[in-house]
Amino acid sequence: MEKIQVKWAVLEDSEDLAIIHSKGWKAAYKGIIPDDLLDNIRIDKRRKIFERALTEKNEETCVLVVD
């Protein structure tokens, strides 16, 4: 059985979080939400949102890491 390590996200995780978030939304909502709205979900925009959240500590964000 694999050990799963849970850690709090840090600023350096912003890019990976943005990629996962953007691609996840596009995959999950394809055919449900119009493509023009999904096309507006961009990694650079999401990265800034995660950077702000992790810097201002307004939201708690964690990353699950498989050891």
C-alpha atoms as a PDB file:
ATOM      1  CA  MET A   1       0.000   0.000   0.000  1.00  0.00           C
ATOM      2  CA  GLU A   2       1.317   3.430  -0.932  1.00  0.00           C
ATOM      3  CA  LYS A   3       1.936   5.978   1.778  1.00  0.00           C
ATOM      4  CA  ILE A   4       0.116   9.269   1.173  1.00  0.00           C
ATOM      5  CA  GLN A   5       1.619  12.454   2.539  1.00  0.00           C
ATOM      6  CA  VAL A   6      -0.631  15.497   2.964  1.00  0.00           C
ATOM      7  CA  LYS A   7       1.016  18.901   3.107  1.00  0.00           C
ATOM      8  CA  TRP A   8      -0.082  22.516   3.051  1.00  0.00           C
ATOM      9  CA  ALA A   9       0.442  24.205  -0.298  1.00  0.00           C
ATOM     10  CA  VAL A  10       3.144  26.841  -0.544  1.00  0.00           C
ATOM     11  CA  LEU A  11       3.696  29.607  -3.065  1.00  0.00           C
ATOM     12  CA  GLU A  12       5.964  27.341  -5.125  1.00  0.00           C
ATOM     13  CA  ASP A  13       2.982  25.014  -5.714  1.00  0.00           C
ATOM     14  CA  SER A  14       0.994  27.723  -7.534  1.00  0.00           C
ATOM     15  CA  GLU A  15       1.964  26.680 -11.064  1.00  0.00           C
ATOM     16  CA  ASP A  16       1.135  22.987 -10.499  1.00  0.00           C
ATOM     17  CA  LEU A  17      -2.151  23.884  -8.801  1.00  0.00           C
ATOM     18  CA  ALA A  18      -3.056  26.151 -11.713  1.00  0.00           C
ATOM     19  CA  ILE A  19      -2.335  23.422 -14.262  1.00  0.00           C
ATOM     20  CA  ILE A  20      -4.369  20.818 -12.362  1.00  0.00           C
ATOM     21  CA  HIS A  21      -7.245  23.233 -11.781  1.00  0.00           C
ATOM     22  CA  SER A  22      -7.406  24.461 -15.385  1.00  0.00           C
ATOM     23  CA  LYS A  23      -7.107  21.054 -17.022  1.00  0.00           C
ATOM     24  CA  GLY A  24      -9.487  19.498 -14.502  1.00  0.00           C
ATOM     25  CA  TRP A  25     -12.224  22.033 -15.190  1.00  0.00           C
ATOM     26  CA  LYS A  26     -11.804  21.698 -18.952  1.00  0.00           C
ATOM     27  CA  ALA A  27     -12.025  17.907 -18.786  1.00  0.00           C
ATOM     28  CA  ALA A  28     -14.872  17.762 -16.267  1.00  0.00           C
ATOM     29  CA  TYR A  29     -17.112  20.381 -17.856  1.00  0.00           C
ATOM     30  CA  LYS A  30     -16.494  19.752 -21.578  1.00  0.00           C
ATOM     31  CA  GLY A  31     -19.896  19.589 -23.239  1.00  0.00           C
ATOM     32  CA  ILE A  32     -21.607  21.019 -20.155  1.00  0.00           C
ATOM     33  CA  ILE A  33     -20.197  24.551 -20.109  1.00  0.00           C
ATOM     34  CA  PRO A  34     -19.757  26.407 -23.410  1.00  0.00           C
ATOM     35  CA  ASP A  35     -16.268  26.089 -24.892  1.00  0.00           C
ATOM     36  CA  ASP A  36     -15.752  29.864 -24.968  1.00  0.00           C
ATOM     37  CA  LEU A  37     -16.072  29.948 -21.168  1.00  0.00           C
ATOM     38  CA  LEU A  38     -13.760  26.955 -20.729  1.00  0.00           C
ATOM     39  CA  ASP A  39     -11.235  28.541 -23.090  1.00  0.00           C
ATOM     40  CA  ASN A  40     -11.106  31.514 -20.718  1.00  0.00           C
ATOM     41  CA  ILE A  41      -9.830  29.267 -17.907  1.00  0.00           C
ATOM     42  CA  ARG A  42      -6.136  29.824 -18.442  1.00  0.00           C
ATOM     43  CA  ILE A  43      -3.182  28.564 -16.435  1.00  0.00           C
ATOM     44  CA  ASP A  44      -1.622  32.021 -16.075  1.00  0.00           C
ATOM     45  CA  LYS A  45      -4.847  33.452 -14.608  1.00  0.00           C
ATOM     46  CA  ARG A  46      -5.317  30.513 -12.242  1.00  0.00           C
ATOM     47  CA  ARG A  47      -1.682  30.724 -11.113  1.00  0.00           C
ATOM     48  CA  LYS A  48      -2.253  34.336 -10.042  1.00  0.00           C
ATOM     49  CA  ILE A  49      -5.372  33.313  -8.104  1.00  0.00           C
ATOM     50  CA  PHE A  50      -3.468  30.590  -6.255  1.00  0.00           C
ATOM     51  CA  GLU A  51      -0.507  32.918  -5.622  1.00  0.00           C
ATOM     52  CA  ARG A  52      -2.830  35.498  -4.090  1.00  0.00           C
ATOM     53  CA  ALA A  53      -4.657  32.897  -1.980  1.00  0.00           C
ATOM     54  CA  LEU A  54      -1.392  31.453  -0.668  1.00  0.00           C
ATOM     55  CA  THR A  55       0.162  34.853  -0.024  1.00  0.00           C
ATOM     56  CA  GLU A  56      -2.837  36.472   1.655  1.00  0.00           C
ATOM     57  CA  LYS A  57      -3.804  33.302   3.544  1.00  0.00           C
ATOM     58  CA  ASN A  58      -7.486  34.051   2.845  1.00  0.00           C
ATOM     59  CA  GLU A  59      -8.114  30.492   1.703  1.00  0.00           C
ATOM     60  CA  GLU A  60      -6.623  27.281   2.983  1.00  0.00           C
ATOM     61  CA  THR A  61      -5.198  25.222   0.167  1.00  0.00           C
ATOM     62  CA  CYS A  62      -3.529  21.847   0.502  1.00  0.00           C
ATOM     63  CA  VAL A  63      -1.782  19.569  -1.926  1.00  0.00           C
ATOM     64  CA  LEU A  64      -1.952  15.777  -1.712  1.00  0.00           C
ATOM     65  CA  VAL A  65       1.375  14.185  -2.488  1.00  0.00           C
ATOM     66  CA  VAL A  66       1.849  10.454  -3.009  1.00  0.00           C
ATOM     67  CA  ASP A  67       5.161   9.330  -1.531  1.00  0.00           C
END
